[in-house]
Amino acid sequence: MTEPNGSSDELDPVYEVLVDRLRALRPFPRPAFRGALRRHLVIVDPGYGPRPANLRTFVALWIVAGLLLLALGAVVAVGII
């Protein structure tokens, strides 16, 4: 739930009552549903393991390849090639 941010903007008392009423009537899932949802998500979760040791190298290579393709496209668009 969002906490007040401490701003100096005050609501009218009518709106304060409405805010309090809406917060009190906010639906909240029952513990049984939350537990079943958690169990379902644990089963469905693929459980990604640790990152590969050379992940940064692969990402850097893909970025360089993308930049080279962009440069080649710019050169072709300008008409140099």
C-alpha atoms as a PDB file:
ATOM      1  CA  MET A   1       0.000   0.000   0.000  1.00  0.00           C
ATOM      2  CA  THR A   2       1.267   3.456  -0.822  1.00  0.00           C
ATOM      3  CA  GLU A   3       2.303   5.476   2.166  1.00  0.00           C
ATOM      4  CA  PRO A   4       1.759   9.230   2.336  1.00  0.00           C
ATOM      5  CA  ASN A   5       4.674  11.119   0.847  1.00  0.00           C
ATOM      6  CA  GLY A   6       4.687  13.889   3.426  1.00  0.00           C
ATOM      7  CA  SER A   7       3.618  16.617   1.026  1.00  0.00           C
ATOM      8  CA  SER A   8       1.947  19.726   2.382  1.00  0.00           C
ATOM      9  CA  ASP A   9      -1.151  19.195   0.228  1.00  0.00           C
ATOM     10  CA  GLU A  10      -4.032  18.416   2.558  1.00  0.00           C
ATOM     11  CA  LEU A  11      -7.272  16.853   1.411  1.00  0.00           C
ATOM     12  CA  ASP A  12     -10.668  18.212   2.294  1.00  0.00           C
ATOM     13  CA  PRO A  13     -12.246  16.423   5.267  1.00  0.00           C
ATOM     14  CA  VAL A  14     -14.871  14.908   2.943  1.00  0.00           C
ATOM     15  CA  TYR A  15     -12.133  13.293   0.888  1.00  0.00           C
ATOM     16  CA  GLU A  16     -10.281  12.160   4.013  1.00  0.00           C
ATOM     17  CA  VAL A  17     -13.382  10.231   5.073  1.00  0.00           C
ATOM     18  CA  LEU A  18     -13.651   8.732   1.596  1.00  0.00           C
ATOM     19  CA  VAL A  19      -9.984   7.702   1.629  1.00  0.00           C
ATOM     20  CA  ASP A  20     -10.366   6.036   5.028  1.00  0.00           C
ATOM     21  CA  ARG A  21     -13.499   4.226   3.876  1.00  0.00           C
ATOM     22  CA  LEU A  22     -11.866   2.980   0.675  1.00  0.00           C
ATOM     23  CA  ARG A  23      -8.820   1.737   2.595  1.00  0.00           C
ATOM     24  CA  ALA A  24     -11.063  -0.137   5.030  1.00  0.00           C
ATOM     25  CA  LEU A  25     -13.052  -1.747   2.213  1.00  0.00           C
ATOM     26  CA  ARG A  26      -9.982  -2.711   0.164  1.00  0.00           C
ATOM     27  CA  PRO A  27     -10.184  -6.390  -0.741  1.00  0.00           C
ATOM     28  CA  PHE A  28      -7.383  -8.542   0.582  1.00  0.00           C
ATOM     29  CA  PRO A  29      -6.927 -12.197  -0.405  1.00  0.00           C
ATOM     30  CA  ARG A  30      -7.458 -14.810   2.265  1.00  0.00           C
ATOM     31  CA  PRO A  31      -4.371 -16.608   3.638  1.00  0.00           C
ATOM     32  CA  ALA A  32      -5.463 -19.898   2.027  1.00  0.00           C
ATOM     33  CA  PHE A  33      -5.524 -18.270  -1.405  1.00  0.00           C
ATOM     34  CA  ARG A  34      -2.183 -16.554  -0.859  1.00  0.00           C
ATOM     35  CA  GLY A  35      -0.631 -19.868   0.225  1.00  0.00           C
ATOM     36  CA  ALA A  36      -2.044 -21.721  -2.770  1.00  0.00           C
ATOM     37  CA  LEU A  37      -0.817 -18.961  -5.094  1.00  0.00           C
ATOM     38  CA  ARG A  38       2.666 -19.136  -3.600  1.00  0.00           C
ATOM     39  CA  ARG A  39       2.804 -22.914  -4.004  1.00  0.00           C
ATOM     40  CA  HIS A  40       1.636 -22.593  -7.606  1.00  0.00           C
ATOM     41  CA  LEU A  41       4.239 -19.940  -8.398  1.00  0.00           C
ATOM     42  CA  VAL A  42       7.000 -22.044  -6.830  1.00  0.00           C
ATOM     43  CA  ILE A  43       6.014 -24.972  -9.053  1.00  0.00           C
ATOM     44  CA  VAL A  44       5.755 -22.844 -12.205  1.00  0.00           C
ATOM     45  CA  ASP A  45       8.957 -20.881 -11.522  1.00  0.00           C
ATOM     46  CA  PRO A  46      11.734 -22.080 -13.824  1.00  0.00           C
ATOM     47  CA  GLY A  47      14.287 -21.406 -11.085  1.00  0.00           C
ATOM     48  CA  TYR A  48      16.952 -19.629 -13.050  1.00  0.00           C
ATOM     49  CA  GLY A  49      20.339 -20.456 -11.642  1.00  0.00           C
ATOM     50  CA  PRO A  50      23.394 -18.265 -11.376  1.00  0.00           C
ATOM     51  CA  ARG A  51      24.441 -16.220 -14.365  1.00  0.00           C
ATOM     52  CA  PRO A  52      27.092 -17.616 -16.687  1.00  0.00           C
ATOM     53  CA  ALA A  53      30.633 -16.516 -15.939  1.00  0.00           C
ATOM     54  CA  ASN A  54      31.104 -14.929 -19.391  1.00  0.00           C
ATOM     55  CA  LEU A  55      27.726 -13.161 -19.567  1.00  0.00           C
ATOM     56  CA  ARG A  56      29.289  -9.690 -19.705  1.00  0.00           C
ATOM     57  CA  THR A  57      31.487 -10.749 -22.626  1.00  0.00           C
ATOM     58  CA  PHE A  58      28.502 -12.062 -24.578  1.00  0.00           C
ATOM     59  CA  VAL A  59      26.486  -8.918 -23.902  1.00  0.00           C
ATOM     60  CA  ALA A  60      29.392  -6.702 -24.946  1.00  0.00           C
ATOM     61  CA  LEU A  61      29.826  -8.682 -28.167  1.00  0.00           C
ATOM     62  CA  TRP A  62      26.118  -8.382 -29.005  1.00  0.00           C
ATOM     63  CA  ILE A  63      26.237  -4.626 -28.360  1.00  0.00           C
ATOM     64  CA  VAL A  64      29.295  -4.226 -30.597  1.00  0.00           C
ATOM     65  CA  ALA A  65      27.648  -6.308 -33.325  1.00  0.00           C
ATOM     66  CA  GLY A  66      24.501  -4.184 -33.099  1.00  0.00           C
ATOM     67  CA  LEU A  67      26.499  -0.962 -33.293  1.00  0.00           C
ATOM     68  CA  LEU A  68      28.379  -2.258 -36.330  1.00  0.00           C
ATOM     69  CA  LEU A  69      25.104  -3.107 -38.055  1.00  0.00           C
ATOM     70  CA  LEU A  70      23.743   0.351 -37.242  1.00  0.00           C
ATOM     71  CA  ALA A  71      26.879   1.946 -38.647  1.00  0.00           C
ATOM     72  CA  LEU A  72      26.647  -0.177 -41.791  1.00  0.00           C
ATOM     73  CA  GLY A  73      22.995   0.810 -42.206  1.00  0.00           C
ATOM     74  CA  ALA A  74      23.887   4.485 -41.812  1.00  0.00           C
ATOM     75  CA  VAL A  75      26.653   4.184 -44.400  1.00  0.00           C
ATOM     76  CA  VAL A  76      24.291   2.489 -46.851  1.00  0.00           C
ATOM     77  CA  ALA A  77      21.580   5.087 -46.169  1.00  0.00           C
ATOM     78  CA  VAL A  78      23.983   7.966 -46.837  1.00  0.00           C
ATOM     79  CA  GLY A  79      25.037   6.283 -50.070  1.00  0.00           C
ATOM     80  CA  ILE A  80      28.749   5.807 -49.432  1.00  0.00           C
ATOM     81  CA  ILE A  81      28.458   2.119 -50.314  1.00  0.00           C
END
